[in-house]
Amino acid sequence: MKPRAKRAVPGAAVVAGLLILLGACTTVQSREELAPDERWSYTVRELPGRDGRLRGELSFRGRRTPLYFSEVVVGSRRFTAALRTTAEGFEGYREDRTFEPPEPGVSGSSVSTGERSRGWYIAGLDQRRPATPAEWVWVRRENLEAWVNPLRIQAFAAHFKLAEMHEAREPRVQFMFSYGHRAR
């Protein structure tokens, strides 16, 4: 009987090992299904209580990108800022479906380790450097153009003191009057 008991134990160990492996495979599969989407998403939603007003939102990994930029280029898609106005019922980022990305230009040096750790470098849309990570996006605000790591957008905005853009406003006009007294 002892030899049979020894044979039963290795068989039980093999079955237990297979169950552990199957359990591990199931666990890995469920983790992959639950992993967050690491891609950009663009949604247009209706604003509550605003009579059909719409807002376009751009998100990376589920985190909304604030309206810091007048243009954002993600891969081959361009999004432009639409400011809140009374005439138009749209605000936020709007996708430009007519956009055709420029041919990538060769701009000499590749991205340095300092620029990589900082998360951005200043360059035009057609000046993407070699070894720029694929997830980096191009942004523009007035005369500031850069390639930016999406995880470093907040730090980029803080460094350049960019405030979030809101509604369109009339430009402020200041007048300066000069009064003087003439002696005769």
N, C-alpha and C. Protein backbone atom coordinates (compact mmCIF):
# COMPACT_ATOMS: atom_id res chain seq x y z
N MET A 1 0.80 -1.20 0.00
CA MET A 1 0.00 0.00 0.00
C MET A 1 0.84 1.28 0.00
N LYS A 2 1.98 1.19 0.57
CA LYS A 2 2.82 2.38 0.60
C LYS A 2 3.22 2.84 -0.79
N PRO A 3 3.55 1.91 -1.73
CA PRO A 3 3.88 2.39 -3.06
C PRO A 3 2.71 3.11 -3.72
N ARG A 4 1.49 2.63 -3.53
CA ARG A 4 0.34 3.33 -4.11
C ARG A 4 0.18 4.73 -3.52
N ALA A 5 0.40 4.86 -2.25
CA ALA A 5 0.28 6.17 -1.62
C ALA A 5 1.30 7.14 -2.21
N LYS A 6 2.51 6.65 -2.48
CA LYS A 6 3.52 7.51 -3.07
C LYS A 6 3.13 7.92 -4.48
N ARG A 7 2.51 7.02 -5.23
CA ARG A 7 2.07 7.37 -6.59
C ARG A 7 0.91 8.35 -6.56
N ALA A 8 0.05 8.24 -5.60
CA ALA A 8 -1.10 9.14 -5.51
C ALA A 8 -0.65 10.55 -5.16
N VAL A 9 0.34 10.71 -4.37
CA VAL A 9 0.82 12.03 -3.96
C VAL A 9 1.39 12.80 -5.15
N PRO A 10 2.27 12.20 -6.00
CA PRO A 10 2.75 12.95 -7.15
C PRO A 10 1.62 13.30 -8.11
N GLY A 11 0.65 12.44 -8.29
CA GLY A 11 -0.49 12.75 -9.14
C GLY A 11 -1.30 13.91 -8.60
N ALA A 12 -1.49 13.95 -7.30
CA ALA A 12 -2.21 15.05 -6.66
C ALA A 12 -1.42 16.35 -6.79
N ALA A 13 -0.10 16.24 -6.68
CA ALA A 13 0.75 17.43 -6.82
C ALA A 13 0.67 17.99 -8.24
N VAL A 14 0.62 17.10 -9.23
CA VAL A 14 0.51 17.54 -10.63
C VAL A 14 -0.83 18.22 -10.84
N VAL A 15 -1.91 17.62 -10.33
CA VAL A 15 -3.25 18.22 -10.47
C VAL A 15 -3.29 19.58 -9.76
N ALA A 16 -2.72 19.64 -8.56
CA ALA A 16 -2.70 20.91 -7.82
C ALA A 16 -1.88 21.96 -8.58
N GLY A 17 -0.75 21.53 -9.15
CA GLY A 17 0.06 22.46 -9.95
C GLY A 17 -0.68 22.97 -11.16
N LEU A 18 -1.42 22.09 -11.85
CA LEU A 18 -2.22 22.52 -13.00
C LEU A 18 -3.31 23.49 -12.59
N LEU A 19 -3.96 23.23 -11.46
CA LEU A 19 -5.00 24.15 -10.99
C LEU A 19 -4.41 25.52 -10.66
N ILE A 20 -3.21 25.54 -10.07
CA ILE A 20 -2.55 26.82 -9.76
C ILE A 20 -2.22 27.56 -11.05
N LEU A 21 -1.69 26.83 -12.05
CA LEU A 21 -1.37 27.46 -13.34
C LEU A 21 -2.62 28.00 -14.02
N LEU A 22 -3.70 27.21 -14.01
CA LEU A 22 -4.95 27.68 -14.61
C LEU A 22 -5.49 28.88 -13.87
N GLY A 23 -5.37 28.86 -12.56
CA GLY A 23 -5.80 30.01 -11.75
C GLY A 23 -4.99 31.24 -12.07
N ALA A 24 -3.67 31.06 -12.25
CA ALA A 24 -2.80 32.19 -12.59
C ALA A 24 -3.15 32.75 -13.96
N CYS A 25 -3.44 31.87 -14.92
CA CYS A 25 -3.81 32.33 -16.26
C CYS A 25 -5.10 33.13 -16.21
N THR A 26 -6.05 32.67 -15.44
CA THR A 26 -7.32 33.39 -15.31
C THR A 26 -7.09 34.76 -14.68
N THR A 27 -6.22 34.81 -13.67
CA THR A 27 -5.93 36.07 -13.00
C THR A 27 -5.26 37.04 -13.97
N VAL A 28 -4.28 36.57 -14.74
CA VAL A 28 -3.59 37.44 -15.70
C VAL A 28 -4.57 37.94 -16.75
N GLN A 29 -5.44 37.08 -17.24
CA GLN A 29 -6.41 37.48 -18.25
C GLN A 29 -7.35 38.55 -17.70
N SER A 30 -7.83 38.39 -16.49
CA SER A 30 -8.75 39.38 -15.94
C SER A 30 -8.02 40.70 -15.69
N ARG A 31 -6.75 40.65 -15.34
CA ARG A 31 -5.98 41.89 -15.17
C ARG A 31 -5.83 42.62 -16.50
N GLU A 32 -5.60 41.88 -17.56
CA GLU A 32 -5.47 42.51 -18.87
C GLU A 32 -6.79 43.15 -19.28
N GLU A 33 -7.89 42.53 -18.98
CA GLU A 33 -9.20 43.10 -19.33
C GLU A 33 -9.47 44.35 -18.51
N LEU A 34 -8.96 44.41 -17.29
CA LEU A 34 -9.22 45.55 -16.42
C LEU A 34 -8.19 46.66 -16.55
N ALA A 35 -7.14 46.43 -17.32
CA ALA A 35 -6.09 47.45 -17.47
C ALA A 35 -6.68 48.72 -18.09
N PRO A 36 -6.27 49.90 -17.58
CA PRO A 36 -6.81 51.15 -18.12
C PRO A 36 -6.34 51.38 -19.56
N ASP A 37 -7.19 52.03 -20.33
CA ASP A 37 -6.87 52.34 -21.72
C ASP A 37 -5.82 53.44 -21.73
N GLU A 38 -4.69 53.20 -22.37
CA GLU A 38 -3.60 54.16 -22.37
C GLU A 38 -3.63 55.07 -23.59
N ARG A 39 -4.72 55.09 -24.29
CA ARG A 39 -4.79 55.90 -25.50
C ARG A 39 -5.56 57.18 -25.24
N TRP A 40 -5.43 58.07 -26.18
CA TRP A 40 -6.19 59.32 -26.15
C TRP A 40 -7.64 59.04 -26.47
N SER A 41 -8.52 59.81 -25.88
CA SER A 41 -9.93 59.72 -26.23
C SER A 41 -10.47 61.13 -26.42
N TYR A 42 -11.40 61.24 -27.31
CA TYR A 42 -12.05 62.52 -27.60
C TYR A 42 -13.55 62.31 -27.50
N THR A 43 -14.19 63.11 -26.66
CA THR A 43 -15.63 63.00 -26.50
C THR A 43 -16.28 64.37 -26.62
N VAL A 44 -17.46 64.37 -27.16
CA VAL A 44 -18.28 65.59 -27.22
C VAL A 44 -19.53 65.28 -26.43
N ARG A 45 -19.80 66.13 -25.43
CA ARG A 45 -20.97 65.88 -24.61
C ARG A 45 -21.79 67.16 -24.46
N GLU A 46 -23.05 66.98 -24.18
CA GLU A 46 -23.94 68.12 -23.99
C GLU A 46 -23.81 68.62 -22.57
N LEU A 47 -23.72 69.92 -22.41
CA LEU A 47 -23.61 70.51 -21.08
C LEU A 47 -25.00 70.56 -20.44
N PRO A 48 -25.12 70.15 -19.20
CA PRO A 48 -26.43 70.14 -18.56
C PRO A 48 -26.97 71.55 -18.36
N GLY A 49 -28.25 71.71 -18.66
CA GLY A 49 -28.93 72.99 -18.45
C GLY A 49 -28.44 74.12 -19.32
N ARG A 50 -27.85 73.83 -20.46
CA ARG A 50 -27.29 74.88 -21.30
C ARG A 50 -27.91 74.92 -22.69
N ASP A 51 -29.11 74.46 -22.87
CA ASP A 51 -29.84 74.54 -24.14
C ASP A 51 -29.02 74.09 -25.35
N GLY A 52 -28.58 72.85 -25.33
CA GLY A 52 -27.90 72.29 -26.49
C GLY A 52 -26.45 72.68 -26.66
N ARG A 53 -25.85 73.29 -25.66
CA ARG A 53 -24.42 73.63 -25.77
C ARG A 53 -23.58 72.37 -25.62
N LEU A 54 -22.52 72.30 -26.40
CA LEU A 54 -21.66 71.12 -26.42
C LEU A 54 -20.25 71.46 -25.95
N ARG A 55 -19.57 70.46 -25.37
CA ARG A 55 -18.18 70.63 -24.97
C ARG A 55 -17.38 69.45 -25.50
N GLY A 56 -16.26 69.77 -26.17
CA GLY A 56 -15.34 68.75 -26.66
C GLY A 56 -14.22 68.57 -25.65
N GLU A 57 -14.00 67.34 -25.21
CA GLU A 57 -12.97 67.07 -24.22
C GLU A 57 -11.96 66.06 -24.77
N LEU A 58 -10.72 66.34 -24.53
CA LEU A 58 -9.61 65.51 -24.95
C LEU A 58 -9.00 64.92 -23.68
N SER A 59 -8.82 63.59 -23.65
CA SER A 59 -8.31 62.93 -22.44
C SER A 59 -7.20 61.95 -22.79
N PHE A 60 -6.26 61.85 -21.87
CA PHE A 60 -5.20 60.84 -21.98
C PHE A 60 -5.25 59.99 -20.72
N ARG A 61 -5.43 58.69 -20.92
CA ARG A 61 -5.56 57.74 -19.81
C ARG A 61 -6.70 58.14 -18.87
N GLY A 62 -7.77 58.65 -19.43
CA GLY A 62 -8.94 59.02 -18.63
C GLY A 62 -8.81 60.36 -17.93
N ARG A 63 -7.70 61.05 -18.12
CA ARG A 63 -7.47 62.34 -17.47
C ARG A 63 -7.67 63.46 -18.48
N ARG A 64 -8.60 64.36 -18.18
CA ARG A 64 -8.95 65.44 -19.10
C ARG A 64 -7.78 66.40 -19.28
N THR A 65 -7.54 66.77 -20.54
CA THR A 65 -6.52 67.77 -20.86
C THR A 65 -7.15 69.14 -20.75
N PRO A 66 -6.68 69.99 -19.83
CA PRO A 66 -7.25 71.34 -19.71
C PRO A 66 -7.08 72.14 -21.00
N LEU A 67 -7.87 73.15 -21.16
CA LEU A 67 -7.86 73.98 -22.37
C LEU A 67 -6.72 75.00 -22.27
N TYR A 68 -5.47 74.49 -22.27
CA TYR A 68 -4.29 75.34 -22.23
C TYR A 68 -3.85 75.77 -23.62
N PHE A 69 -4.20 75.01 -24.65
CA PHE A 69 -3.59 75.18 -25.95
C PHE A 69 -4.62 75.53 -27.01
N SER A 70 -4.16 76.31 -28.00
CA SER A 70 -5.04 76.62 -29.13
C SER A 70 -5.03 75.48 -30.13
N GLU A 71 -3.97 74.65 -30.12
CA GLU A 71 -3.90 73.47 -30.99
C GLU A 71 -3.21 72.33 -30.25
N VAL A 72 -3.72 71.12 -30.47
CA VAL A 72 -3.08 69.90 -29.98
C VAL A 72 -3.11 68.91 -31.13
N VAL A 73 -1.96 68.34 -31.47
CA VAL A 73 -1.89 67.32 -32.52
C VAL A 73 -1.51 66.01 -31.86
N VAL A 74 -2.40 65.02 -32.00
CA VAL A 74 -2.20 63.69 -31.45
C VAL A 74 -2.12 62.74 -32.64
N GLY A 75 -0.93 62.26 -32.94
CA GLY A 75 -0.76 61.40 -34.11
C GLY A 75 -1.11 62.15 -35.38
N SER A 76 -2.13 61.70 -36.08
CA SER A 76 -2.56 62.36 -37.31
C SER A 76 -3.85 63.15 -37.14
N ARG A 77 -4.22 63.44 -35.88
CA ARG A 77 -5.44 64.19 -35.60
C ARG A 77 -5.11 65.52 -34.92
N ARG A 78 -5.77 66.59 -35.38
CA ARG A 78 -5.56 67.91 -34.78
C ARG A 78 -6.84 68.37 -34.11
N PHE A 79 -6.67 68.96 -32.93
CA PHE A 79 -7.77 69.51 -32.16
C PHE A 79 -7.48 70.98 -31.91
N THR A 80 -8.47 71.82 -32.16
CA THR A 80 -8.31 73.26 -31.95
C THR A 80 -9.24 73.70 -30.84
N ALA A 81 -8.85 74.76 -30.15
CA ALA A 81 -9.64 75.28 -29.04
C ALA A 81 -10.79 76.12 -29.56
N ALA A 82 -11.96 75.88 -29.02
CA ALA A 82 -13.14 76.70 -29.29
C ALA A 82 -13.55 77.31 -27.97
N LEU A 83 -13.52 78.63 -27.91
CA LEU A 83 -13.87 79.31 -26.67
C LEU A 83 -15.36 79.55 -26.58
N ARG A 84 -15.84 79.64 -25.37
CA ARG A 84 -17.26 79.85 -25.12
C ARG A 84 -17.71 81.22 -25.64
N THR A 85 -18.67 81.23 -26.52
CA THR A 85 -19.24 82.47 -27.02
C THR A 85 -20.75 82.35 -26.98
N THR A 86 -21.44 83.46 -27.10
CA THR A 86 -22.90 83.40 -27.08
C THR A 86 -23.46 82.96 -28.43
N ALA A 87 -22.73 83.22 -29.51
CA ALA A 87 -23.24 82.90 -30.85
C ALA A 87 -23.12 81.42 -31.17
N GLU A 88 -22.08 80.78 -30.69
CA GLU A 88 -21.84 79.38 -31.04
C GLU A 88 -22.09 78.50 -29.82
N GLY A 89 -22.65 77.35 -30.02
CA GLY A 89 -22.97 76.45 -28.92
C GLY A 89 -21.93 75.40 -28.67
N PHE A 90 -20.65 75.69 -28.92
CA PHE A 90 -19.60 74.69 -28.72
C PHE A 90 -18.44 75.32 -27.97
N GLU A 91 -17.84 74.54 -27.06
CA GLU A 91 -16.65 74.99 -26.35
C GLU A 91 -15.72 73.81 -26.12
N GLY A 92 -14.47 74.08 -25.82
CA GLY A 92 -13.50 73.02 -25.58
C GLY A 92 -12.70 72.72 -26.84
N TYR A 93 -12.22 71.49 -26.94
CA TYR A 93 -11.44 71.08 -28.10
C TYR A 93 -12.35 70.56 -29.20
N ARG A 94 -12.07 70.97 -30.42
CA ARG A 94 -12.84 70.54 -31.58
C ARG A 94 -11.89 69.86 -32.56
N GLU A 95 -12.28 68.69 -33.04
CA GLU A 95 -11.44 67.96 -33.99
C GLU A 95 -11.52 68.60 -35.36
N ASP A 96 -10.36 68.80 -35.97
CA ASP A 96 -10.27 69.34 -37.33
C ASP A 96 -10.15 68.15 -38.27
N ARG A 97 -11.23 67.77 -38.91
CA ARG A 97 -11.24 66.57 -39.75
C ARG A 97 -10.56 66.79 -41.10
N THR A 98 -10.23 68.03 -41.45
CA THR A 98 -9.55 68.31 -42.72
C THR A 98 -8.03 68.33 -42.56
N PHE A 99 -7.54 68.12 -41.36
CA PHE A 99 -6.10 68.21 -41.07
C PHE A 99 -5.33 67.09 -41.75
N GLU A 100 -4.24 67.47 -42.38
CA GLU A 100 -3.29 66.51 -42.93
C GLU A 100 -1.93 66.83 -42.32
N PRO A 101 -1.39 65.89 -41.55
CA PRO A 101 -0.11 66.18 -40.89
C PRO A 101 1.00 66.42 -41.90
N PRO A 102 1.92 67.33 -41.57
CA PRO A 102 3.03 67.60 -42.49
C PRO A 102 4.00 66.42 -42.50
N GLU A 103 4.78 66.38 -43.54
CA GLU A 103 5.83 65.36 -43.62
C GLU A 103 6.83 65.64 -42.50
N PRO A 104 7.23 64.61 -41.78
CA PRO A 104 8.19 64.85 -40.69
C PRO A 104 9.52 65.33 -41.24
N GLY A 105 10.03 66.39 -40.65
CA GLY A 105 11.31 66.94 -41.05
C GLY A 105 12.43 66.36 -40.21
N VAL A 106 13.61 66.35 -40.75
CA VAL A 106 14.77 65.89 -40.00
C VAL A 106 15.34 67.10 -39.30
N SER A 107 15.38 67.06 -37.99
CA SER A 107 15.85 68.22 -37.25
C SER A 107 17.09 67.91 -36.43
N GLY A 108 18.02 67.22 -37.03
CA GLY A 108 19.33 67.01 -36.40
C GLY A 108 19.32 66.09 -35.21
N SER A 109 19.61 66.66 -34.06
CA SER A 109 19.84 65.86 -32.86
C SER A 109 18.56 65.19 -32.37
N SER A 110 18.75 64.05 -31.72
CA SER A 110 17.60 63.36 -31.15
C SER A 110 17.31 63.92 -29.76
N VAL A 111 16.23 63.46 -29.17
CA VAL A 111 15.79 63.95 -27.86
C VAL A 111 16.84 63.58 -26.81
N SER A 112 17.28 64.56 -26.05
CA SER A 112 18.28 64.31 -25.01
C SER A 112 17.62 63.67 -23.78
N THR A 113 18.44 63.10 -22.92
CA THR A 113 17.90 62.49 -21.71
C THR A 113 17.30 63.55 -20.79
N GLY A 114 17.85 64.75 -20.80
CA GLY A 114 17.29 65.85 -20.01
C GLY A 114 15.90 66.25 -20.50
N GLU A 115 15.75 66.34 -21.81
CA GLU A 115 14.44 66.67 -22.38
C GLU A 115 13.45 65.56 -22.12
N ARG A 116 13.91 64.33 -22.20
CA ARG A 116 13.04 63.18 -21.92
C ARG A 116 12.54 63.21 -20.47
N SER A 117 13.44 63.45 -19.53
CA SER A 117 13.02 63.49 -18.13
C SER A 117 12.18 64.72 -17.82
N ARG A 118 12.46 65.85 -18.48
CA ARG A 118 11.65 67.05 -18.30
C ARG A 118 10.27 66.85 -18.89
N GLY A 119 10.21 66.18 -20.06
CA GLY A 119 8.93 65.86 -20.67
C GLY A 119 8.53 66.74 -21.83
N TRP A 120 9.42 67.56 -22.35
CA TRP A 120 9.09 68.38 -23.52
C TRP A 120 10.34 69.00 -24.13
N TYR A 121 10.17 69.44 -25.38
CA TYR A 121 11.18 70.27 -26.03
C TYR A 121 10.45 71.21 -26.99
N ILE A 122 11.01 72.37 -27.20
CA ILE A 122 10.42 73.41 -28.04
C ILE A 122 10.75 73.10 -29.50
N ALA A 123 9.71 72.98 -30.34
CA ALA A 123 9.89 72.71 -31.77
C ALA A 123 8.55 72.84 -32.47
N GLY A 124 8.61 73.12 -33.76
CA GLY A 124 7.41 73.21 -34.58
C GLY A 124 6.84 71.83 -34.89
N LEU A 125 5.67 71.82 -35.48
CA LEU A 125 4.99 70.56 -35.82
C LEU A 125 5.81 69.71 -36.77
N ASP A 126 6.47 70.35 -37.71
CA ASP A 126 7.27 69.61 -38.69
C ASP A 126 8.72 69.39 -38.23
N GLN A 127 9.01 69.68 -36.96
CA GLN A 127 10.37 69.54 -36.43
C GLN A 127 10.48 68.47 -35.35
N ARG A 128 9.69 67.42 -35.47
CA ARG A 128 9.76 66.32 -34.51
C ARG A 128 11.14 65.67 -34.59
N ARG A 129 11.79 65.55 -33.47
CA ARG A 129 13.15 65.01 -33.43
C ARG A 129 13.16 63.49 -33.44
N PRO A 130 14.26 62.92 -33.95
CA PRO A 130 14.39 61.46 -33.87
C PRO A 130 14.37 61.01 -32.40
N ALA A 131 13.84 59.84 -32.15
CA ALA A 131 13.74 59.23 -30.82
C ALA A 131 12.73 59.92 -29.92
N THR A 132 11.84 60.76 -30.49
CA THR A 132 10.74 61.31 -29.69
C THR A 132 9.77 60.18 -29.42
N PRO A 133 9.41 59.95 -28.15
CA PRO A 133 8.48 58.86 -27.85
C PRO A 133 7.16 59.00 -28.63
N ALA A 134 6.60 57.88 -29.01
CA ALA A 134 5.40 57.86 -29.86
C ALA A 134 4.20 58.52 -29.19
N GLU A 135 4.11 58.47 -27.86
CA GLU A 135 2.93 59.04 -27.20
C GLU A 135 3.01 60.56 -26.99
N TRP A 136 4.14 61.18 -27.28
CA TRP A 136 4.25 62.63 -27.14
C TRP A 136 3.38 63.32 -28.18
N VAL A 137 2.84 64.48 -27.81
CA VAL A 137 1.96 65.24 -28.68
C VAL A 137 2.55 66.62 -28.93
N TRP A 138 2.09 67.22 -30.01
CA TRP A 138 2.53 68.58 -30.33
C TRP A 138 1.46 69.54 -29.85
N VAL A 139 1.87 70.64 -29.20
CA VAL A 139 0.93 71.65 -28.70
C VAL A 139 1.38 73.04 -29.15
N ARG A 140 0.41 73.95 -29.25
CA ARG A 140 0.72 75.34 -29.59
C ARG A 140 -0.19 76.26 -28.81
N ARG A 141 0.40 77.34 -28.32
CA ARG A 141 -0.36 78.43 -27.71
C ARG A 141 0.37 79.70 -28.07
N GLU A 142 -0.27 80.53 -28.85
CA GLU A 142 0.30 81.76 -29.38
C GLU A 142 1.62 81.46 -30.08
N ASN A 143 2.75 81.96 -29.59
CA ASN A 143 4.02 81.71 -30.28
C ASN A 143 4.83 80.60 -29.62
N LEU A 144 4.24 79.82 -28.73
CA LEU A 144 4.91 78.71 -28.06
C LEU A 144 4.46 77.39 -28.69
N GLU A 145 5.41 76.66 -29.29
CA GLU A 145 5.13 75.37 -29.92
C GLU A 145 6.09 74.35 -29.33
N ALA A 146 5.58 73.17 -28.97
CA ALA A 146 6.44 72.17 -28.34
C ALA A 146 5.90 70.76 -28.53
N TRP A 147 6.79 69.79 -28.41
CA TRP A 147 6.44 68.38 -28.32
C TRP A 147 6.48 68.03 -26.85
N VAL A 148 5.37 67.46 -26.34
CA VAL A 148 5.19 67.28 -24.89
C VAL A 148 4.74 65.87 -24.57
N ASN A 149 5.28 65.33 -23.48
CA ASN A 149 4.81 64.07 -22.92
C ASN A 149 3.43 64.35 -22.30
N PRO A 150 2.39 63.61 -22.66
CA PRO A 150 1.06 63.89 -22.13
C PRO A 150 0.97 63.83 -20.61
N LEU A 151 1.84 63.07 -19.98
CA LEU A 151 1.84 62.99 -18.52
C LEU A 151 2.48 64.22 -17.88
N ARG A 152 3.13 65.06 -18.68
CA ARG A 152 3.82 66.25 -18.17
C ARG A 152 3.17 67.56 -18.62
N ILE A 153 1.94 67.49 -19.12
CA ILE A 153 1.25 68.70 -19.61
C ILE A 153 1.07 69.71 -18.49
N GLN A 154 0.68 69.27 -17.30
CA GLN A 154 0.50 70.19 -16.16
C GLN A 154 1.81 70.90 -15.82
N ALA A 155 2.91 70.15 -15.79
CA ALA A 155 4.22 70.74 -15.48
C ALA A 155 4.64 71.71 -16.58
N PHE A 156 4.36 71.38 -17.84
CA PHE A 156 4.66 72.25 -18.97
C PHE A 156 3.90 73.57 -18.83
N ALA A 157 2.61 73.49 -18.54
CA ALA A 157 1.78 74.69 -18.38
C ALA A 157 2.25 75.53 -17.20
N ALA A 158 2.63 74.89 -16.10
CA ALA A 158 3.12 75.63 -14.94
C ALA A 158 4.44 76.32 -15.25
N HIS A 159 5.33 75.63 -15.96
CA HIS A 159 6.64 76.19 -16.30
C HIS A 159 6.50 77.45 -17.16
N PHE A 160 5.59 77.42 -18.12
CA PHE A 160 5.41 78.56 -19.01
C PHE A 160 4.28 79.50 -18.56
N LYS A 161 3.75 79.26 -17.36
CA LYS A 161 2.70 80.10 -16.76
C LYS A 161 1.48 80.23 -17.68
N LEU A 162 1.02 79.10 -18.19
CA LEU A 162 -0.16 79.08 -19.05
C LEU A 162 -1.40 78.88 -18.19
N ALA A 163 -2.34 79.77 -18.31
CA ALA A 163 -3.62 79.61 -17.61
C ALA A 163 -4.59 78.95 -18.57
N GLU A 164 -5.58 78.27 -18.02
CA GLU A 164 -6.59 77.65 -18.85
C GLU A 164 -7.41 78.74 -19.54
N MET A 165 -7.66 78.56 -20.83
CA MET A 165 -8.43 79.54 -21.59
C MET A 165 -9.91 79.32 -21.29
N HIS A 166 -10.64 80.41 -21.19
CA HIS A 166 -12.07 80.32 -20.93
C HIS A 166 -12.81 81.05 -22.04
N GLU A 167 -13.85 81.77 -21.68
CA GLU A 167 -14.67 82.42 -22.70
C GLU A 167 -13.90 83.51 -23.44
N ALA A 168 -14.35 83.75 -24.66
CA ALA A 168 -13.74 84.81 -25.47
C ALA A 168 -14.13 86.15 -24.86
N ARG A 169 -13.20 87.05 -24.85
CA ARG A 169 -13.45 88.37 -24.28
C ARG A 169 -13.02 89.43 -25.28
N GLU A 170 -13.65 90.58 -25.16
CA GLU A 170 -13.23 91.73 -25.95
C GLU A 170 -11.87 92.19 -25.43
N PRO A 171 -10.99 92.59 -26.31
CA PRO A 171 -9.68 93.06 -25.82
C PRO A 171 -9.83 94.32 -24.98
N ARG A 172 -9.02 94.40 -23.95
CA ARG A 172 -9.06 95.59 -23.11
C ARG A 172 -8.38 96.75 -23.82
N VAL A 173 -9.02 97.87 -23.80
CA VAL A 173 -8.46 99.06 -24.43
C VAL A 173 -8.24 100.09 -23.34
N GLN A 174 -7.06 100.65 -23.32
CA GLN A 174 -6.75 101.67 -22.35
C GLN A 174 -6.45 102.97 -23.08
N PHE A 175 -6.95 104.04 -22.52
CA PHE A 175 -6.68 105.36 -23.06
C PHE A 175 -5.84 106.11 -22.05
N MET A 176 -4.95 106.89 -22.58
CA MET A 176 -4.14 107.70 -21.70
C MET A 176 -4.33 109.16 -22.11
N PHE A 177 -4.79 109.93 -21.16
CA PHE A 177 -4.98 111.35 -21.41
C PHE A 177 -3.91 112.12 -20.67
N SER A 178 -3.45 113.15 -21.30
CA SER A 178 -2.42 113.98 -20.67
C SER A 178 -2.98 115.38 -20.51
N TYR A 179 -2.94 115.83 -19.30
CA TYR A 179 -3.40 117.20 -19.01
C TYR A 179 -2.19 118.02 -18.62
N GLY A 180 -2.19 119.20 -19.11
CA GLY A 180 -1.06 120.06 -18.74
C GLY A 180 -1.54 121.50 -18.61
N HIS A 181 -0.78 122.27 -17.93
CA HIS A 181 -1.10 123.68 -17.76
C HIS A 181 -0.01 124.50 -18.44
N ARG A 182 -0.46 125.37 -19.33
CA ARG A 182 0.49 126.22 -20.04
C ARG A 182 0.63 127.55 -19.35
N ALA A 183 1.82 127.89 -19.13
CA ALA A 183 2.06 129.22 -18.56
C ALA A 183 2.18 130.23 -19.67
N ARG A 184 1.58 131.39 -19.51
CA ARG A 184 1.65 132.42 -20.56
C ARG A 184 2.64 133.43 -20.27
